Amino acid sequence: MSLRHAILGFLSATPLSGYDLRKAMDASVQHFWPADQAQIYRTLARLVADGLVDVQEVDGDTRQRKLHFATAAGLAELDDWLRTIHPVEASREPFLIKMFFGGRIGAADVCALLLARRGEAEVLRATFQGIAASIPESGDLNTVLRRATLLSGLRYVEAEILWIDETLEALK
């Protein structure tokens, strides 16, 4: 997935300033597609240059804001991307490299790493459970898909906790 498609997705719903786009991303997709402010603004500039996003300046309370909105070409690119099947992307997981070579530091240190990771996963699981409680189990297509996306993250974290517990048991 590219950041450009994530941005086009947000702009397909409503025009946003770069600042508001960052806030919307932080409030929704940050757990699986993080982006910092500089990345967002660089990508917005490329989308404007490519004719996929237009900018409209509007007067705000204290300053002028630039609202970005998807053009017809931007919406068409987003729709094409949404309909295209992409192969699963290879991911890099530094923690698994540590586990792979962890025999060098001994079982006690590996267990400490696993317990620390489990604590982080528990916090993330609680976060996802809290968000899930705020999303209705049924509704329009967007609601159902947003909940399904969240549940994917929740299931991933639950699987990691199970794996950690099994690994800790094997190290006893």
N, C-alpha and C. Protein backbone atom coordinates (compact mmCIF):
# COMPACT_ATOMS: atom_id res chain seq x y z
N MET A 1 0.85 -1.18 0.00
CA MET A 1 0.00 0.00 0.00
C MET A 1 0.88 1.22 0.00
N SER A 2 0.42 2.25 -0.62
CA SER A 2 1.19 3.48 -0.62
C SER A 2 0.44 4.54 0.19
N LEU A 3 1.20 5.45 0.69
CA LEU A 3 0.61 6.56 1.43
C LEU A 3 -0.32 7.36 0.53
N ARG A 4 0.02 7.46 -0.75
CA ARG A 4 -0.83 8.24 -1.65
C ARG A 4 -2.25 7.68 -1.70
N HIS A 5 -2.40 6.37 -1.65
CA HIS A 5 -3.73 5.78 -1.70
C HIS A 5 -4.47 5.95 -0.37
N ALA A 6 -3.74 5.90 0.71
CA ALA A 6 -4.36 6.18 2.01
C ALA A 6 -4.88 7.61 2.04
N ILE A 7 -4.08 8.53 1.56
CA ILE A 7 -4.50 9.94 1.53
C ILE A 7 -5.69 10.12 0.60
N LEU A 8 -5.63 9.52 -0.58
CA LEU A 8 -6.78 9.61 -1.49
C LEU A 8 -8.03 9.03 -0.85
N GLY A 9 -7.87 7.96 -0.07
CA GLY A 9 -9.01 7.38 0.62
C GLY A 9 -9.65 8.36 1.59
N PHE A 10 -8.83 9.03 2.38
CA PHE A 10 -9.37 10.02 3.31
C PHE A 10 -10.02 11.18 2.57
N LEU A 11 -9.36 11.64 1.50
CA LEU A 11 -9.90 12.78 0.76
C LEU A 11 -11.12 12.41 -0.07
N SER A 12 -11.35 11.12 -0.29
CA SER A 12 -12.56 10.71 -1.00
C SER A 12 -13.80 10.95 -0.15
N ALA A 13 -13.62 11.01 1.16
CA ALA A 13 -14.75 11.21 2.07
C ALA A 13 -15.03 12.68 2.30
N THR A 14 -13.95 13.48 2.42
CA THR A 14 -14.13 14.90 2.73
C THR A 14 -12.83 15.65 2.46
N PRO A 15 -12.91 16.91 2.02
CA PRO A 15 -11.69 17.71 1.87
C PRO A 15 -11.05 17.94 3.24
N LEU A 16 -9.71 17.91 3.29
CA LEU A 16 -8.99 18.07 4.55
C LEU A 16 -7.75 18.91 4.34
N SER A 17 -7.36 19.64 5.37
CA SER A 17 -6.05 20.29 5.38
C SER A 17 -5.02 19.21 5.70
N GLY A 18 -3.76 19.51 5.49
CA GLY A 18 -2.71 18.55 5.84
C GLY A 18 -2.75 18.21 7.32
N TYR A 19 -2.97 19.23 8.14
CA TYR A 19 -3.05 19.02 9.59
C TYR A 19 -4.22 18.12 9.95
N ASP A 20 -5.39 18.39 9.38
CA ASP A 20 -6.57 17.58 9.67
C ASP A 20 -6.43 16.16 9.13
N LEU A 21 -5.72 16.02 8.01
CA LEU A 21 -5.46 14.69 7.46
C LEU A 21 -4.61 13.89 8.44
N ARG A 22 -3.58 14.51 8.98
CA ARG A 22 -2.73 13.83 9.97
C ARG A 22 -3.55 13.40 11.19
N LYS A 23 -4.41 14.29 11.68
CA LYS A 23 -5.25 13.96 12.83
C LYS A 23 -6.18 12.79 12.50
N ALA A 24 -6.78 12.80 11.31
CA ALA A 24 -7.68 11.72 10.93
C ALA A 24 -6.94 10.39 10.83
N MET A 25 -5.73 10.42 10.29
CA MET A 25 -4.94 9.20 10.18
C MET A 25 -4.54 8.70 11.57
N ASP A 26 -4.11 9.61 12.43
CA ASP A 26 -3.72 9.21 13.79
C ASP A 26 -4.88 8.61 14.56
N ALA A 27 -6.09 9.08 14.28
CA ALA A 27 -7.26 8.59 15.00
C ALA A 27 -7.82 7.29 14.43
N SER A 28 -7.25 6.82 13.32
CA SER A 28 -7.86 5.64 12.71
C SER A 28 -6.86 4.59 12.22
N VAL A 29 -5.97 4.92 11.33
CA VAL A 29 -5.13 3.91 10.69
C VAL A 29 -3.70 3.86 11.20
N GLN A 30 -3.37 4.66 12.20
CA GLN A 30 -1.98 4.75 12.66
C GLN A 30 -1.40 3.42 13.12
N HIS A 31 -2.22 2.49 13.57
CA HIS A 31 -1.70 1.23 14.08
C HIS A 31 -1.20 0.30 12.98
N PHE A 32 -1.65 0.55 11.74
CA PHE A 32 -1.17 -0.30 10.66
C PHE A 32 -0.63 0.48 9.47
N TRP A 33 -0.81 1.80 9.46
CA TRP A 33 -0.23 2.62 8.40
C TRP A 33 0.14 3.99 8.95
N PRO A 34 1.23 4.04 9.73
CA PRO A 34 1.65 5.32 10.31
C PRO A 34 2.32 6.22 9.26
N ALA A 35 2.17 7.51 9.44
CA ALA A 35 2.84 8.48 8.58
C ALA A 35 3.07 9.74 9.39
N ASP A 36 4.24 10.33 9.21
CA ASP A 36 4.50 11.57 9.94
C ASP A 36 4.06 12.76 9.08
N GLN A 37 4.03 13.92 9.69
CA GLN A 37 3.53 15.13 9.04
C GLN A 37 4.31 15.43 7.75
N ALA A 38 5.63 15.27 7.78
CA ALA A 38 6.44 15.57 6.60
C ALA A 38 6.08 14.63 5.44
N GLN A 39 5.89 13.35 5.73
CA GLN A 39 5.51 12.40 4.68
C GLN A 39 4.16 12.78 4.07
N ILE A 40 3.23 13.17 4.93
CA ILE A 40 1.90 13.54 4.45
C ILE A 40 1.98 14.75 3.52
N TYR A 41 2.71 15.79 3.93
CA TYR A 41 2.80 16.99 3.11
C TYR A 41 3.54 16.74 1.81
N ARG A 42 4.61 15.93 1.83
CA ARG A 42 5.31 15.58 0.59
C ARG A 42 4.39 14.83 -0.37
N THR A 43 3.64 13.89 0.18
CA THR A 43 2.74 13.10 -0.66
C THR A 43 1.61 13.96 -1.21
N LEU A 44 1.07 14.84 -0.38
CA LEU A 44 0.03 15.76 -0.87
C LEU A 44 0.56 16.60 -2.04
N ALA A 45 1.78 17.10 -1.92
CA ALA A 45 2.37 17.91 -2.99
C ALA A 45 2.50 17.10 -4.28
N ARG A 46 2.91 15.82 -4.16
CA ARG A 46 3.01 14.97 -5.35
C ARG A 46 1.63 14.69 -5.96
N LEU A 47 0.65 14.47 -5.10
CA LEU A 47 -0.71 14.22 -5.59
C LEU A 47 -1.25 15.44 -6.33
N VAL A 48 -0.96 16.63 -5.82
CA VAL A 48 -1.38 17.87 -6.49
C VAL A 48 -0.66 17.98 -7.84
N ALA A 49 0.66 17.74 -7.85
CA ALA A 49 1.44 17.82 -9.09
C ALA A 49 0.96 16.80 -10.12
N ASP A 50 0.50 15.66 -9.66
CA ASP A 50 0.00 14.61 -10.57
C ASP A 50 -1.45 14.83 -10.99
N GLY A 51 -2.10 15.88 -10.48
CA GLY A 51 -3.48 16.18 -10.85
C GLY A 51 -4.51 15.30 -10.16
N LEU A 52 -4.11 14.61 -9.09
CA LEU A 52 -5.03 13.72 -8.39
C LEU A 52 -5.70 14.40 -7.20
N VAL A 53 -5.16 15.53 -6.79
CA VAL A 53 -5.70 16.31 -5.67
C VAL A 53 -5.64 17.78 -6.07
N ASP A 54 -6.67 18.52 -5.73
CA ASP A 54 -6.69 19.97 -5.90
C ASP A 54 -6.65 20.61 -4.53
N VAL A 55 -6.23 21.88 -4.50
CA VAL A 55 -6.13 22.62 -3.25
C VAL A 55 -6.99 23.87 -3.35
N GLN A 56 -7.69 24.15 -2.27
CA GLN A 56 -8.51 25.36 -2.19
C GLN A 56 -8.13 26.07 -0.90
N GLU A 57 -7.78 27.34 -1.00
CA GLU A 57 -7.46 28.10 0.21
C GLU A 57 -8.75 28.67 0.79
N VAL A 58 -8.90 28.50 2.10
CA VAL A 58 -10.08 29.01 2.80
C VAL A 58 -9.62 29.78 4.02
N ASP A 59 -10.39 30.80 4.37
CA ASP A 59 -10.06 31.58 5.56
C ASP A 59 -10.50 30.83 6.80
N GLY A 60 -9.59 30.71 7.75
CA GLY A 60 -9.91 30.09 9.02
C GLY A 60 -10.11 31.14 10.08
N ASP A 61 -10.18 30.72 11.32
CA ASP A 61 -10.37 31.66 12.42
C ASP A 61 -9.20 32.62 12.55
N THR A 62 -7.98 32.09 12.47
CA THR A 62 -6.81 32.93 12.68
C THR A 62 -5.86 32.94 11.50
N ARG A 63 -6.03 32.00 10.57
CA ARG A 63 -5.11 31.93 9.43
C ARG A 63 -5.82 31.29 8.24
N GLN A 64 -5.15 31.40 7.10
CA GLN A 64 -5.68 30.74 5.92
C GLN A 64 -5.28 29.27 5.93
N ARG A 65 -6.21 28.41 5.56
CA ARG A 65 -5.93 26.98 5.49
C ARG A 65 -6.04 26.52 4.05
N LYS A 66 -5.31 25.46 3.74
CA LYS A 66 -5.39 24.86 2.42
C LYS A 66 -6.15 23.54 2.56
N LEU A 67 -7.31 23.49 1.93
CA LEU A 67 -8.08 22.25 1.92
C LEU A 67 -7.73 21.47 0.66
N HIS A 68 -7.47 20.19 0.84
CA HIS A 68 -7.15 19.31 -0.26
C HIS A 68 -8.36 18.43 -0.54
N PHE A 69 -8.68 18.24 -1.81
CA PHE A 69 -9.78 17.34 -2.15
C PHE A 69 -9.39 16.54 -3.37
N ALA A 70 -9.86 15.31 -3.42
CA ALA A 70 -9.54 14.40 -4.52
C ALA A 70 -10.24 14.87 -5.79
N THR A 71 -9.52 14.84 -6.89
CA THR A 71 -10.10 15.15 -8.19
C THR A 71 -10.76 13.88 -8.74
N ALA A 72 -11.45 14.02 -9.86
CA ALA A 72 -12.05 12.85 -10.51
C ALA A 72 -10.96 11.83 -10.85
N ALA A 73 -9.81 12.32 -11.33
CA ALA A 73 -8.70 11.41 -11.65
C ALA A 73 -8.17 10.73 -10.38
N GLY A 74 -8.13 11.47 -9.27
CA GLY A 74 -7.69 10.89 -8.00
C GLY A 74 -8.64 9.81 -7.52
N LEU A 75 -9.93 10.07 -7.64
CA LEU A 75 -10.92 9.07 -7.23
C LEU A 75 -10.86 7.84 -8.12
N ALA A 76 -10.62 8.05 -9.41
CA ALA A 76 -10.50 6.91 -10.34
C ALA A 76 -9.27 6.07 -9.99
N GLU A 77 -8.15 6.73 -9.67
CA GLU A 77 -6.95 5.97 -9.27
C GLU A 77 -7.20 5.19 -7.99
N LEU A 78 -7.86 5.83 -7.03
CA LEU A 78 -8.18 5.14 -5.77
C LEU A 78 -9.06 3.92 -6.05
N ASP A 79 -10.09 4.09 -6.85
CA ASP A 79 -11.00 2.98 -7.15
C ASP A 79 -10.27 1.84 -7.86
N ASP A 80 -9.39 2.19 -8.82
CA ASP A 80 -8.60 1.16 -9.50
C ASP A 80 -7.72 0.41 -8.51
N TRP A 81 -7.08 1.16 -7.62
CA TRP A 81 -6.20 0.55 -6.61
C TRP A 81 -7.01 -0.36 -5.67
N LEU A 82 -8.19 0.10 -5.27
CA LEU A 82 -9.03 -0.70 -4.37
C LEU A 82 -9.47 -2.01 -5.02
N ARG A 83 -9.65 -2.01 -6.33
CA ARG A 83 -10.11 -3.21 -7.03
C ARG A 83 -8.97 -4.17 -7.40
N THR A 84 -7.73 -3.73 -7.27
CA THR A 84 -6.58 -4.53 -7.70
C THR A 84 -6.10 -5.43 -6.56
N ILE A 85 -5.89 -6.70 -6.89
CA ILE A 85 -5.33 -7.63 -5.92
C ILE A 85 -3.81 -7.46 -5.95
N HIS A 86 -3.22 -7.21 -4.80
CA HIS A 86 -1.77 -7.06 -4.69
C HIS A 86 -1.22 -8.24 -3.90
N PRO A 87 -0.04 -8.71 -4.27
CA PRO A 87 0.55 -9.81 -3.48
C PRO A 87 0.84 -9.34 -2.06
N VAL A 88 0.86 -10.30 -1.15
CA VAL A 88 1.19 -9.97 0.24
C VAL A 88 2.61 -9.43 0.27
N GLU A 89 2.78 -8.31 0.95
CA GLU A 89 4.10 -7.69 1.03
C GLU A 89 4.92 -8.36 2.12
N ALA A 90 6.18 -8.56 1.83
CA ALA A 90 7.09 -9.09 2.84
C ALA A 90 7.25 -8.04 3.93
N SER A 91 7.27 -8.49 5.16
CA SER A 91 7.44 -7.54 6.25
C SER A 91 8.74 -7.86 6.98
N ARG A 92 9.24 -6.88 7.66
CA ARG A 92 10.44 -7.04 8.48
C ARG A 92 10.03 -6.90 9.93
N GLU A 93 10.46 -7.85 10.73
CA GLU A 93 10.11 -7.83 12.14
C GLU A 93 11.39 -8.01 12.96
N PRO A 94 11.96 -6.88 13.42
CA PRO A 94 13.21 -6.96 14.18
C PRO A 94 13.12 -7.88 15.40
N PHE A 95 11.95 -7.93 16.03
CA PHE A 95 11.83 -8.77 17.22
C PHE A 95 12.05 -10.24 16.87
N LEU A 96 11.56 -10.68 15.72
CA LEU A 96 11.74 -12.08 15.34
C LEU A 96 13.20 -12.39 15.01
N ILE A 97 13.93 -11.42 14.48
CA ILE A 97 15.38 -11.63 14.28
C ILE A 97 16.07 -11.81 15.63
N LYS A 98 15.64 -11.03 16.62
CA LYS A 98 16.20 -11.19 17.97
C LYS A 98 15.92 -12.59 18.50
N MET A 99 14.70 -13.08 18.27
CA MET A 99 14.36 -14.42 18.74
C MET A 99 15.16 -15.48 17.99
N PHE A 100 15.33 -15.29 16.69
CA PHE A 100 16.05 -16.26 15.87
C PHE A 100 17.47 -16.45 16.37
N PHE A 101 18.12 -15.35 16.75
CA PHE A 101 19.51 -15.41 17.22
C PHE A 101 19.63 -15.30 18.73
N GLY A 102 18.52 -15.34 19.44
CA GLY A 102 18.50 -15.11 20.89
C GLY A 102 19.27 -16.12 21.71
N GLY A 103 19.56 -17.27 21.17
CA GLY A 103 20.34 -18.26 21.91
C GLY A 103 21.68 -17.73 22.38
N ARG A 104 22.19 -16.73 21.73
CA ARG A 104 23.48 -16.14 22.12
C ARG A 104 23.43 -15.47 23.50
N ILE A 105 22.25 -14.99 23.89
CA ILE A 105 22.17 -14.24 25.15
C ILE A 105 21.59 -15.06 26.30
N GLY A 106 21.14 -16.25 26.01
CA GLY A 106 20.64 -17.13 27.07
C GLY A 106 19.15 -17.01 27.31
N ALA A 107 18.61 -18.06 27.90
CA ALA A 107 17.16 -18.16 28.11
C ALA A 107 16.61 -17.06 29.00
N ALA A 108 17.34 -16.70 30.04
CA ALA A 108 16.83 -15.67 30.97
C ALA A 108 16.64 -14.33 30.26
N ASP A 109 17.60 -13.93 29.44
CA ASP A 109 17.48 -12.67 28.72
C ASP A 109 16.39 -12.74 27.64
N VAL A 110 16.28 -13.89 26.99
CA VAL A 110 15.23 -14.07 25.98
C VAL A 110 13.86 -13.98 26.65
N CYS A 111 13.72 -14.62 27.81
CA CYS A 111 12.45 -14.55 28.53
C CYS A 111 12.11 -13.11 28.92
N ALA A 112 13.12 -12.36 29.32
CA ALA A 112 12.90 -10.95 29.67
C ALA A 112 12.40 -10.18 28.45
N LEU A 113 12.99 -10.44 27.30
CA LEU A 113 12.53 -9.78 26.07
C LEU A 113 11.09 -10.17 25.74
N LEU A 114 10.80 -11.45 25.86
CA LEU A 114 9.45 -11.93 25.57
C LEU A 114 8.43 -11.31 26.53
N LEU A 115 8.77 -11.22 27.80
CA LEU A 115 7.84 -10.63 28.77
C LEU A 115 7.62 -9.14 28.50
N ALA A 116 8.67 -8.45 28.11
CA ALA A 116 8.53 -7.03 27.78
C ALA A 116 7.63 -6.87 26.55
N ARG A 117 7.86 -7.71 25.56
CA ARG A 117 7.04 -7.66 24.34
C ARG A 117 5.59 -8.00 24.66
N ARG A 118 5.39 -8.96 25.55
CA ARG A 118 4.02 -9.34 25.93
C ARG A 118 3.32 -8.15 26.59
N GLY A 119 4.03 -7.42 27.44
CA GLY A 119 3.45 -6.23 28.06
C GLY A 119 3.01 -5.20 27.03
N GLU A 120 3.84 -4.98 26.01
CA GLU A 120 3.48 -4.04 24.95
C GLU A 120 2.25 -4.55 24.19
N ALA A 121 2.22 -5.84 23.94
CA ALA A 121 1.08 -6.42 23.21
C ALA A 121 -0.20 -6.32 24.02
N GLU A 122 -0.11 -6.49 25.33
CA GLU A 122 -1.29 -6.36 26.19
C GLU A 122 -1.85 -4.94 26.13
N VAL A 123 -0.97 -3.95 26.12
CA VAL A 123 -1.41 -2.55 26.03
C VAL A 123 -2.11 -2.32 24.69
N LEU A 124 -1.52 -2.83 23.62
CA LEU A 124 -2.13 -2.67 22.31
C LEU A 124 -3.46 -3.41 22.22
N ARG A 125 -3.53 -4.60 22.81
CA ARG A 125 -4.79 -5.34 22.82
C ARG A 125 -5.88 -4.55 23.54
N ALA A 126 -5.54 -3.96 24.68
CA ALA A 126 -6.52 -3.16 25.41
C ALA A 126 -6.95 -1.94 24.59
N THR A 127 -6.02 -1.34 23.89
CA THR A 127 -6.36 -0.20 23.02
C THR A 127 -7.33 -0.63 21.94
N PHE A 128 -7.02 -1.73 21.27
CA PHE A 128 -7.90 -2.22 20.20
C PHE A 128 -9.27 -2.63 20.75
N GLN A 129 -9.29 -3.24 21.92
CA GLN A 129 -10.58 -3.63 22.52
C GLN A 129 -11.41 -2.40 22.84
N GLY A 130 -10.77 -1.34 23.32
CA GLY A 130 -11.48 -0.10 23.60
C GLY A 130 -12.05 0.53 22.34
N ILE A 131 -11.27 0.52 21.28
CA ILE A 131 -11.76 1.08 20.01
C ILE A 131 -12.90 0.22 19.48
N ALA A 132 -12.74 -1.10 19.57
CA ALA A 132 -13.78 -2.01 19.07
C ALA A 132 -15.11 -1.77 19.78
N ALA A 133 -15.04 -1.46 21.07
CA ALA A 133 -16.27 -1.22 21.83
C ALA A 133 -17.01 0.02 21.33
N SER A 134 -16.27 0.91 20.65
CA SER A 134 -16.90 2.14 20.17
C SER A 134 -17.43 2.03 18.74
N ILE A 135 -17.15 0.92 18.07
CA ILE A 135 -17.61 0.74 16.69
C ILE A 135 -18.76 -0.25 16.69
N PRO A 136 -19.90 0.14 16.15
CA PRO A 136 -21.04 -0.79 16.11
C PRO A 136 -20.69 -2.08 15.37
N GLU A 137 -21.31 -3.17 15.79
CA GLU A 137 -21.05 -4.46 15.14
C GLU A 137 -21.72 -4.56 13.79
N SER A 138 -22.68 -3.73 13.52
CA SER A 138 -23.33 -3.70 12.22
C SER A 138 -23.56 -2.25 11.83
N GLY A 139 -23.89 -2.06 10.59
CA GLY A 139 -24.12 -0.71 10.09
C GLY A 139 -23.89 -0.68 8.61
N ASP A 140 -23.54 0.50 8.09
CA ASP A 140 -23.29 0.60 6.66
C ASP A 140 -21.97 -0.10 6.32
N LEU A 141 -21.68 -0.21 5.06
CA LEU A 141 -20.50 -0.93 4.59
C LEU A 141 -19.22 -0.36 5.20
N ASN A 142 -19.09 0.96 5.26
CA ASN A 142 -17.89 1.57 5.83
C ASN A 142 -17.70 1.18 7.29
N THR A 143 -18.77 1.17 8.06
CA THR A 143 -18.69 0.80 9.47
C THR A 143 -18.26 -0.66 9.63
N VAL A 144 -18.87 -1.53 8.84
CA VAL A 144 -18.53 -2.96 8.90
C VAL A 144 -17.06 -3.17 8.55
N LEU A 145 -16.57 -2.50 7.51
CA LEU A 145 -15.19 -2.68 7.08
C LEU A 145 -14.19 -2.07 8.05
N ARG A 146 -14.54 -0.94 8.66
CA ARG A 146 -13.64 -0.34 9.65
C ARG A 146 -13.53 -1.25 10.87
N ARG A 147 -14.64 -1.82 11.29
CA ARG A 147 -14.60 -2.76 12.41
C ARG A 147 -13.80 -4.01 12.05
N ALA A 148 -13.98 -4.51 10.83
CA ALA A 148 -13.23 -5.69 10.39
C ALA A 148 -11.73 -5.41 10.36
N THR A 149 -11.35 -4.22 9.94
CA THR A 149 -9.93 -3.84 9.93
C THR A 149 -9.38 -3.81 11.35
N LEU A 150 -10.13 -3.23 12.25
CA LEU A 150 -9.71 -3.19 13.65
C LEU A 150 -9.59 -4.60 14.22
N LEU A 151 -10.57 -5.46 13.93
CA LEU A 151 -10.53 -6.83 14.44
C LEU A 151 -9.35 -7.60 13.88
N SER A 152 -8.91 -7.30 12.68
CA SER A 152 -7.71 -7.92 12.13
C SER A 152 -6.51 -7.59 13.01
N GLY A 153 -6.37 -6.33 13.38
CA GLY A 153 -5.28 -5.94 14.27
C GLY A 153 -5.38 -6.60 15.63
N LEU A 154 -6.59 -6.67 16.15
CA LEU A 154 -6.81 -7.30 17.45
C LEU A 154 -6.43 -8.78 17.40
N ARG A 155 -6.87 -9.48 16.36
CA ARG A 155 -6.54 -10.91 16.23
C ARG A 155 -5.04 -11.13 16.10
N TYR A 156 -4.37 -10.22 15.39
CA TYR A 156 -2.92 -10.32 15.24
C TYR A 156 -2.24 -10.20 16.61
N VAL A 157 -2.65 -9.23 17.39
CA VAL A 157 -2.06 -9.03 18.73
C VAL A 157 -2.37 -10.23 19.63
N GLU A 158 -3.58 -10.73 19.56
CA GLU A 158 -3.93 -11.91 20.37
C GLU A 158 -3.09 -13.12 19.97
N ALA A 159 -2.84 -13.28 18.67
CA ALA A 159 -1.99 -14.38 18.20
C ALA A 159 -0.56 -14.20 18.69
N GLU A 160 -0.07 -12.97 18.72
CA GLU A 160 1.29 -12.74 19.22
C GLU A 160 1.39 -13.07 20.70
N ILE A 161 0.38 -12.71 21.48
CA ILE A 161 0.38 -13.02 22.91
C ILE A 161 0.38 -14.54 23.11
N LEU A 162 -0.43 -15.24 22.34
CA LEU A 162 -0.45 -16.70 22.41
C LEU A 162 0.92 -17.28 22.06
N TRP A 163 1.54 -16.79 21.00
CA TRP A 163 2.88 -17.25 20.59
C TRP A 163 3.91 -16.98 21.69
N ILE A 164 3.85 -15.81 22.30
CA ILE A 164 4.78 -15.49 23.39
C ILE A 164 4.59 -16.46 24.54
N ASP A 165 3.34 -16.69 24.92
CA ASP A 165 3.07 -17.62 26.03
C ASP A 165 3.59 -19.02 25.71
N GLU A 166 3.38 -19.48 24.48
CA GLU A 166 3.87 -20.80 24.09
C GLU A 166 5.39 -20.85 24.09
N THR A 167 6.02 -19.78 23.65
CA THR A 167 7.49 -19.73 23.63
C THR A 167 8.04 -19.70 25.05
N LEU A 168 7.42 -18.91 25.91
CA LEU A 168 7.87 -18.88 27.32
C LEU A 168 7.73 -20.26 27.96
N GLU A 169 6.64 -20.95 27.67
CA GLU A 169 6.43 -22.30 28.21
C GLU A 169 7.51 -23.25 27.69
N ALA A 170 7.86 -23.15 26.43
CA ALA A 170 8.89 -24.01 25.85
C ALA A 170 10.26 -23.74 26.44
N LEU A 171 10.48 -22.52 26.93
CA LEU A 171 11.80 -22.16 27.48
C LEU A 171 11.95 -22.55 28.95
N LYS A 172 10.88 -23.04 29.57
CA LYS A 172 10.96 -23.43 30.99
C LYS A 172 11.83 -24.64 31.17
